[in-house]
Amino acid sequence: MLFKTSQIAITLALLVSGGIISCQSKTPEQIARVTELELIAAKEKAEVAEVKKFVDSTPNLYRVNWKVCSDGFLDQGNNGCKESRDVRAKGFPEAVLVWGPVQEVKFVTKRHFSHNMQSVGLFVKSKGCLKLGKPEGGEQFYKIHEFSLKKGSNLPNPSNAKIDKLSPEDKVQAIRVAIDNAENEIASLNNFGVSSSGFIPSAALQPCLTLEKWKNL
């Protein structure tokens, strides 16, 4: 969890220079509180430095959104369209952040065990997804989202995906959120054996599967 350095600094300034604590009169409790705030500020400063180092050592981030409309969807809610949002909302999944550059977008189908359905995945060629951490491998196709269509339905057009490059400021914020979420996820898995999203993880639900792994599931 990242602390807010500016708020801590203001609190320290009020404690020390505002007369709440003077050099002549400091109770043990007040001394302990100032020491605690100083330690928190030092920890936050170190974390900010680590985040900056991570940001500077990683590629640009791109946001992948989609709006796919088809008469092949078994569920015809939302006027037969499946659509994402920058931020998750009711009925709209959250866009996916990937390490750039985004080289190519394509929709891929694979065999489905149901006789009247086909699984269609939206894939982008990139260096991986932010939620998987720092990009370690080369460029591959990673799954962004998956759709279930009636067998024989036409594949969506790649133009149904929208790719936006994040600004440097948005990249920093996105990485901070991802670090925070990763800490919560690890704690949930370690303490309860269940992910913080509310389900037990399985291979099929893994985020950002490579095309090869997805096709083999």
C-alpha atoms as a PDB file:
ATOM      1  CA  MET A   1       0.000   0.000   0.000  1.00  0.00           C
ATOM      2  CA  LEU A   2       1.357   3.399  -0.996  1.00  0.00           C
ATOM      3  CA  PHE A   3       1.082   6.239   1.518  1.00  0.00           C
ATOM      4  CA  LYS A   4       0.464   9.881   0.618  1.00  0.00           C
ATOM      5  CA  THR A   5       3.775  11.642   1.206  1.00  0.00           C
ATOM      6  CA  SER A   6       2.405  15.155   0.844  1.00  0.00           C
ATOM      7  CA  GLN A   7      -0.225  14.608   3.549  1.00  0.00           C
ATOM      8  CA  ILE A   8       2.369  13.096   5.876  1.00  0.00           C
ATOM      9  CA  ALA A   9       4.723  16.027   5.262  1.00  0.00           C
ATOM     10  CA  ILE A  10       1.975  18.531   6.054  1.00  0.00           C
ATOM     11  CA  THR A  11       1.129  16.672   9.259  1.00  0.00           C
ATOM     12  CA  LEU A  12       4.760  16.658  10.311  1.00  0.00           C
ATOM     13  CA  ALA A  13       5.071  20.377   9.574  1.00  0.00           C
ATOM     14  CA  LEU A  14       1.998  21.137  11.681  1.00  0.00           C
ATOM     15  CA  LEU A  15       3.287  19.020  14.541  1.00  0.00           C
ATOM     16  CA  VAL A  16       6.761  20.521  14.574  1.00  0.00           C
ATOM     17  CA  SER A  17       6.425  24.120  13.400  1.00  0.00           C
ATOM     18  CA  GLY A  18       2.821  24.779  14.338  1.00  0.00           C
ATOM     19  CA  GLY A  19       3.407  24.612  18.039  1.00  0.00           C
ATOM     20  CA  ILE A  20       1.689  21.301  18.669  1.00  0.00           C
ATOM     21  CA  ILE A  21       5.076  19.976  19.708  1.00  0.00           C
ATOM     22  CA  SER A  22       7.764  22.348  20.909  1.00  0.00           C
ATOM     23  CA  CYS A  23      11.363  21.641  21.783  1.00  0.00           C
ATOM     24  CA  GLN A  24      10.604  22.530  25.400  1.00  0.00           C
ATOM     25  CA  SER A  25       7.578  20.266  25.933  1.00  0.00           C
ATOM     26  CA  LYS A  26       7.247  16.882  24.241  1.00  0.00           C
ATOM     27  CA  THR A  27       5.420  13.978  25.800  1.00  0.00           C
ATOM     28  CA  PRO A  28       6.582  10.428  25.065  1.00  0.00           C
ATOM     29  CA  GLU A  29       3.381   9.895  23.086  1.00  0.00           C
ATOM     30  CA  GLN A  30       4.036  12.968  20.922  1.00  0.00           C
ATOM     31  CA  ILE A  31       7.637  11.929  20.301  1.00  0.00           C
ATOM     32  CA  ALA A  32       6.454   8.442  19.323  1.00  0.00           C
ATOM     33  CA  ARG A  33       3.872   9.919  16.930  1.00  0.00           C
ATOM     34  CA  VAL A  34       6.430  12.155  15.202  1.00  0.00           C
ATOM     35  CA  THR A  35       8.821   9.221  14.914  1.00  0.00           C
ATOM     36  CA  GLU A  36       6.065   7.081  13.432  1.00  0.00           C
ATOM     37  CA  LEU A  37       5.190   9.728  10.838  1.00  0.00           C
ATOM     38  CA  GLU A  38       8.848  10.150   9.920  1.00  0.00           C
ATOM     39  CA  LEU A  39       9.191   6.400   9.376  1.00  0.00           C
ATOM     40  CA  ILE A  40       6.042   6.335   7.252  1.00  0.00           C
ATOM     41  CA  ALA A  41       7.312   9.278   5.184  1.00  0.00           C
ATOM     42  CA  ALA A  42      10.674   7.552   4.688  1.00  0.00           C
ATOM     43  CA  LYS A  43       8.919   4.333   3.612  1.00  0.00           C
ATOM     44  CA  GLU A  44       6.731   6.227   1.171  1.00  0.00           C
ATOM     45  CA  LYS A  45       9.741   8.057  -0.263  1.00  0.00           C
ATOM     46  CA  ALA A  46      11.471   4.732  -0.861  1.00  0.00           C
ATOM     47  CA  GLU A  47       8.337   3.284  -2.480  1.00  0.00           C
ATOM     48  CA  VAL A  48       7.974   6.318  -4.747  1.00  0.00           C
ATOM     49  CA  ALA A  49      11.590   5.826  -5.842  1.00  0.00           C
ATOM     50  CA  GLU A  50      10.922   2.152  -6.561  1.00  0.00           C
ATOM     51  CA  VAL A  51       7.794   2.969  -8.580  1.00  0.00           C
ATOM     52  CA  LYS A  52       9.731   5.563 -10.588  1.00  0.00           C
ATOM     53  CA  LYS A  53      12.455   3.008 -11.269  1.00  0.00           C
ATOM     54  CA  PHE A  54       9.832   0.518 -12.463  1.00  0.00           C
ATOM     55  CA  VAL A  55       8.112   3.138 -14.635  1.00  0.00           C
ATOM     56  CA  ASP A  56      11.393   4.243 -16.231  1.00  0.00           C
ATOM     57  CA  SER A  57      12.453   0.654 -16.994  1.00  0.00           C
ATOM     58  CA  THR A  58       9.208  -0.445 -18.681  1.00  0.00           C
ATOM     59  CA  PRO A  59       7.679   0.242 -22.119  1.00  0.00           C
ATOM     60  CA  ASN A  60       4.728   2.507 -22.771  1.00  0.00           C
ATOM     61  CA  LEU A  61       1.323   1.305 -21.627  1.00  0.00           C
ATOM     62  CA  TYR A  62      -1.668   1.019 -23.934  1.00  0.00           C
ATOM     63  CA  ARG A  63      -5.340   0.691 -22.997  1.00  0.00           C
ATOM     64  CA  VAL A  64      -7.370  -1.820 -25.014  1.00  0.00           C
ATOM     65  CA  ASN A  65     -11.140  -1.273 -25.182  1.00  0.00           C
ATOM     66  CA  TRP A  66     -13.640  -3.066 -27.366  1.00  0.00           C
ATOM     67  CA  LYS A  67     -17.189  -2.851 -28.651  1.00  0.00           C
ATOM     68  CA  VAL A  68     -18.294  -6.007 -30.415  1.00  0.00           C
ATOM     69  CA  CYS A  69     -21.804  -6.256 -31.844  1.00  0.00           C
ATOM     70  CA  SER A  70     -23.082  -9.502 -33.348  1.00  0.00           C
ATOM     71  CA  ASP A  71     -26.352 -11.311 -33.943  1.00  0.00           C
ATOM     72  CA  GLY A  72     -24.430 -14.439 -32.937  1.00  0.00           C
ATOM     73  CA  PHE A  73     -24.391 -13.653 -29.228  1.00  0.00           C
ATOM     74  CA  LEU A  74     -26.570 -16.063 -27.276  1.00  0.00           C
ATOM     75  CA  ASP A  75     -27.257 -13.275 -24.794  1.00  0.00           C
ATOM     76  CA  GLN A  76     -28.714 -10.320 -26.680  1.00  0.00           C
ATOM     77  CA  GLY A  77     -28.502  -7.857 -23.815  1.00  0.00           C
ATOM     78  CA  ASN A  78     -27.097  -4.375 -24.440  1.00  0.00           C
ATOM     79  CA  ASN A  79     -28.559  -4.405 -27.970  1.00  0.00           C
ATOM     80  CA  GLY A  80     -26.468  -7.399 -28.973  1.00  0.00           C
ATOM     81  CA  CYS A  81     -23.162  -5.709 -28.144  1.00  0.00           C
ATOM     82  CA  LYS A  82     -20.350  -6.496 -25.725  1.00  0.00           C
ATOM     83  CA  GLU A  83     -18.467  -3.401 -24.648  1.00  0.00           C
ATOM     84  CA  SER A  84     -15.753  -2.415 -22.183  1.00  0.00           C
ATOM     85  CA  ARG A  85     -15.122   0.764 -20.223  1.00  0.00           C
ATOM     86  CA  ASP A  86     -11.930   2.437 -19.008  1.00  0.00           C
ATOM     87  CA  VAL A  87     -13.228   1.702 -15.513  1.00  0.00           C
ATOM     88  CA  ARG A  88     -15.421  -1.314 -14.769  1.00  0.00           C
ATOM     89  CA  ALA A  89     -19.122  -0.545 -14.528  1.00  0.00           C
ATOM     90  CA  LYS A  90     -22.253  -2.652 -14.183  1.00  0.00           C
ATOM     91  CA  GLY A  91     -22.541  -4.704 -17.352  1.00  0.00           C
ATOM     92  CA  PHE A  92     -19.228  -3.409 -18.730  1.00  0.00           C
ATOM     93  CA  PRO A  93     -15.881  -5.117 -18.067  1.00  0.00           C
ATOM     94  CA  GLU A  94     -12.770  -3.040 -17.527  1.00  0.00           C
ATOM     95  CA  ALA A  95     -10.363  -2.262 -20.348  1.00  0.00           C
ATOM     96  CA  VAL A  96      -7.037  -4.131 -20.334  1.00  0.00           C
ATOM     97  CA  LEU A  97      -3.647  -2.428 -20.095  1.00  0.00           C
ATOM     98  CA  VAL A  98      -0.806  -3.909 -22.144  1.00  0.00           C
ATOM     99  CA  TRP A  99       2.875  -3.149 -22.574  1.00  0.00           C
ATOM    100  CA  GLY A 100       3.516  -1.618 -25.975  1.00  0.00           C
ATOM    101  CA  PRO A 101       3.966  -1.300 -28.712  1.00  0.00           C
ATOM    102  CA  VAL A 102       0.721  -2.920 -29.873  1.00  0.00           C
ATOM    103  CA  GLN A 103       1.663  -4.488 -33.186  1.00  0.00           C
ATOM    104  CA  GLU A 104      -1.546  -6.193 -34.276  1.00  0.00           C
ATOM    105  CA  VAL A 105      -5.129  -6.901 -33.237  1.00  0.00           C
ATOM    106  CA  LYS A 106      -7.083  -9.991 -34.231  1.00  0.00           C
ATOM    107  CA  PHE A 107     -10.034 -12.155 -33.258  1.00  0.00           C
ATOM    108  CA  VAL A 108      -9.408 -15.904 -33.096  1.00  0.00           C
ATOM    109  CA  THR A 109     -11.851 -18.773 -32.796  1.00  0.00           C
ATOM    110  CA  LYS A 110     -11.274 -22.196 -31.271  1.00  0.00           C
ATOM    111  CA  ARG A 111     -13.226 -25.402 -30.929  1.00  0.00           C
ATOM    112  CA  HIS A 112     -15.869 -25.333 -28.216  1.00  0.00           C
ATOM    113  CA  PHE A 113     -17.201 -28.426 -26.489  1.00  0.00           C
ATOM    114  CA  SER A 114     -20.765 -27.297 -27.091  1.00  0.00           C
ATOM    115  CA  HIS A 115     -22.136 -28.299 -30.483  1.00  0.00           C
ATOM    116  CA  ASN A 116     -23.770 -24.904 -31.125  1.00  0.00           C
ATOM    117  CA  MET A 117     -21.165 -22.512 -29.693  1.00  0.00           C
ATOM    118  CA  GLN A 118     -17.737 -21.218 -30.561  1.00  0.00           C
ATOM    119  CA  SER A 119     -15.254 -19.378 -28.362  1.00  0.00           C
ATOM    120  CA  VAL A 120     -13.800 -16.223 -29.860  1.00  0.00           C
ATOM    121  CA  GLY A 121     -10.867 -14.424 -28.288  1.00  0.00           C
ATOM    122  CA  LEU A 122      -9.739 -10.836 -28.803  1.00  0.00           C
ATOM    123  CA  PHE A 123      -5.939 -10.845 -28.984  1.00  0.00           C
ATOM    124  CA  VAL A 124      -3.353  -8.101 -29.287  1.00  0.00           C
ATOM    125  CA  LYS A 125       0.308  -8.560 -30.106  1.00  0.00           C
ATOM    126  CA  SER A 126       2.235  -6.813 -27.365  1.00  0.00           C
ATOM    127  CA  LYS A 127       4.823  -7.418 -24.658  1.00  0.00           C
ATOM    128  CA  GLY A 128       2.250  -8.619 -22.152  1.00  0.00           C
ATOM    129  CA  CYS A 129      -0.310  -7.241 -19.738  1.00  0.00           C
ATOM    130  CA  LEU A 130       0.257  -4.907 -16.808  1.00  0.00           C
ATOM    131  CA  LYS A 131      -1.649  -7.225 -14.454  1.00  0.00           C
ATOM    132  CA  LEU A 132       1.012  -9.903 -15.107  1.00  0.00           C
ATOM    133  CA  GLY A 133       3.773  -7.568 -13.931  1.00  0.00           C
ATOM    134  CA  LYS A 134       6.908  -6.417 -15.698  1.00  0.00           C
ATOM    135  CA  PRO A 135       7.264  -7.642 -19.299  1.00  0.00           C
ATOM    136  CA  GLU A 136       9.789 -10.459 -19.303  1.00  0.00           C
ATOM    137  CA  GLY A 137       9.330 -12.126 -22.688  1.00  0.00           C
ATOM    138  CA  GLY A 138       9.184 -11.021 -26.294  1.00  0.00           C
ATOM    139  CA  GLU A 139       6.161  -9.923 -28.244  1.00  0.00           C
ATOM    140  CA  GLN A 140       3.286 -12.396 -28.382  1.00  0.00           C
ATOM    141  CA  PHE A 141      -0.458 -12.411 -28.872  1.00  0.00           C
ATOM    142  CA  TYR A 142      -2.215 -12.033 -25.515  1.00  0.00           C
ATOM    143  CA  LYS A 143      -5.916 -12.576 -24.875  1.00  0.00           C
ATOM    144  CA  ILE A 144      -7.748  -9.407 -23.920  1.00  0.00           C
ATOM    145  CA  HIS A 145     -11.288 -10.760 -23.739  1.00  0.00           C
ATOM    146  CA  GLU A 146     -13.298 -13.816 -24.732  1.00  0.00           C
ATOM    147  CA  PHE A 147     -16.749 -14.072 -26.322  1.00  0.00           C
ATOM    148  CA  SER A 148     -19.176 -16.962 -26.859  1.00  0.00           C
ATOM    149  CA  LEU A 149     -20.893 -16.897 -30.238  1.00  0.00           C
ATOM    150  CA  LYS A 150     -23.207 -19.232 -32.105  1.00  0.00           C
ATOM    151  CA  LYS A 151     -21.223 -21.670 -34.180  1.00  0.00           C
ATOM    152  CA  GLY A 152     -20.721 -20.360 -37.698  1.00  0.00           C
ATOM    153  CA  SER A 153     -21.070 -16.691 -36.761  1.00  0.00           C
ATOM    154  CA  ASN A 154     -18.727 -14.256 -38.456  1.00  0.00           C
ATOM    155  CA  LEU A 155     -15.654 -13.183 -36.515  1.00  0.00           C
ATOM    156  CA  PRO A 156     -15.672  -9.565 -35.325  1.00  0.00           C
ATOM    157  CA  ASN A 157     -13.510  -7.065 -37.165  1.00  0.00           C
ATOM    158  CA  PRO A 158     -10.208  -5.959 -35.558  1.00  0.00           C
ATOM    159  CA  SER A 159     -11.463  -2.375 -35.862  1.00  0.00           C
ATOM    160  CA  ASN A 160     -13.889  -3.225 -33.038  1.00  0.00           C
ATOM    161  CA  ALA A 161     -10.934  -2.834 -30.654  1.00  0.00           C
ATOM    162  CA  LYS A 162      -9.741   0.621 -29.652  1.00  0.00           C
ATOM    163  CA  ILE A 163      -6.103   1.156 -28.650  1.00  0.00           C
ATOM    164  CA  ASP A 164      -5.022   4.251 -26.700  1.00  0.00           C
ATOM    165  CA  LYS A 165      -1.529   5.101 -25.453  1.00  0.00           C
ATOM    166  CA  LEU A 166      -1.439   6.217 -21.816  1.00  0.00           C
ATOM    167  CA  SER A 167       0.186   9.496 -20.922  1.00  0.00           C
ATOM    168  CA  PRO A 168       3.247   9.334 -18.618  1.00  0.00           C
ATOM    169  CA  GLU A 169       1.081  10.535 -15.730  1.00  0.00           C
ATOM    170  CA  ASP A 170      -1.617   7.924 -16.399  1.00  0.00           C
ATOM    171  CA  LYS A 171       1.049   5.234 -16.678  1.00  0.00           C
ATOM    172  CA  VAL A 172       2.357   6.066 -13.198  1.00  0.00           C
ATOM    173  CA  GLN A 173      -1.163   6.010 -11.750  1.00  0.00           C
ATOM    174  CA  ALA A 174      -2.008   2.716 -13.476  1.00  0.00           C
ATOM    175  CA  ILE A 175       1.144   1.080 -12.122  1.00  0.00           C
ATOM    176  CA  ARG A 176       0.403   2.336  -8.602  1.00  0.00           C
ATOM    177  CA  VAL A 177      -3.104   0.837  -8.791  1.00  0.00           C
ATOM    178  CA  ALA A 178      -1.738  -2.442 -10.182  1.00  0.00           C
ATOM    179  CA  ILE A 179       0.788  -2.700  -7.335  1.00  0.00           C
ATOM    180  CA  ASP A 180      -1.939  -2.044  -4.780  1.00  0.00           C
ATOM    181  CA  ASN A 181      -4.254  -4.634  -6.366  1.00  0.00           C
ATOM    182  CA  ALA A 182      -1.442  -7.188  -6.542  1.00  0.00           C
ATOM    183  CA  GLU A 183      -0.807  -6.764  -2.814  1.00  0.00           C
ATOM    184  CA  ASN A 184      -4.493  -7.336  -2.074  1.00  0.00           C
ATOM    185  CA  GLU A 185      -4.640 -10.357  -4.384  1.00  0.00           C
ATOM    186  CA  ILE A 186      -1.572 -11.992  -2.832  1.00  0.00           C
ATOM    187  CA  ALA A 187      -2.932 -11.430   0.664  1.00  0.00           C
ATOM    188  CA  SER A 188      -6.284 -12.931  -0.288  1.00  0.00           C
ATOM    189  CA  LEU A 189      -4.703 -15.980  -1.901  1.00  0.00           C
ATOM    190  CA  ASN A 190      -2.314 -16.509   1.008  1.00  0.00           C
ATOM    191  CA  ASN A 191      -4.912 -16.018   3.739  1.00  0.00           C
ATOM    192  CA  PHE A 192      -8.010 -17.601   2.225  1.00  0.00           C
ATOM    193  CA  GLY A 193      -6.962 -19.535  -0.874  1.00  0.00           C
ATOM    194  CA  VAL A 194      -9.426 -17.495  -2.921  1.00  0.00           C
ATOM    195  CA  SER A 195      -8.690 -14.553  -5.192  1.00  0.00           C
ATOM    196  CA  SER A 196      -9.896 -11.079  -4.179  1.00  0.00           C
ATOM    197  CA  SER A 197     -12.242 -11.066  -7.191  1.00  0.00           C
ATOM    198  CA  GLY A 198     -14.318 -13.724  -5.458  1.00  0.00           C
ATOM    199  CA  PHE A 199     -13.559 -16.937  -7.325  1.00  0.00           C
ATOM    200  CA  ILE A 200     -11.001 -19.707  -7.076  1.00  0.00           C
ATOM    201  CA  PRO A 201      -8.437 -19.193  -9.860  1.00  0.00           C
ATOM    202  CA  SER A 202      -8.333 -21.712 -12.678  1.00  0.00           C
ATOM    203  CA  ALA A 203      -6.329 -22.008 -15.878  1.00  0.00           C
ATOM    204  CA  ALA A 204      -9.289 -20.924 -17.992  1.00  0.00           C
ATOM    205  CA  LEU A 205      -9.695 -17.712 -15.994  1.00  0.00           C
ATOM    206  CA  GLN A 206      -6.050 -16.711 -16.005  1.00  0.00           C
ATOM    207  CA  PRO A 207      -5.618 -13.154 -17.293  1.00  0.00           C
ATOM    208  CA  CYS A 208      -3.873 -12.429 -20.577  1.00  0.00           C
ATOM    209  CA  LEU A 209      -3.235 -15.980 -21.721  1.00  0.00           C
ATOM    210  CA  THR A 210      -0.979 -16.329 -24.742  1.00  0.00           C
ATOM    211  CA  LEU A 211      -2.679 -17.459 -27.912  1.00  0.00           C
ATOM    212  CA  GLU A 212      -0.982 -20.853 -27.737  1.00  0.00           C
ATOM    213  CA  LYS A 213      -2.067 -21.512 -24.138  1.00  0.00           C
ATOM    214  CA  TRP A 214      -5.603 -20.326 -24.820  1.00  0.00           C
ATOM    215  CA  LYS A 215      -6.037 -22.606 -27.818  1.00  0.00           C
ATOM    216  CA  ASN A 216      -4.816 -25.596 -25.803  1.00  0.00           C
ATOM    217  CA  LEU A 217      -7.336 -25.140 -22.977  1.00  0.00           C
END
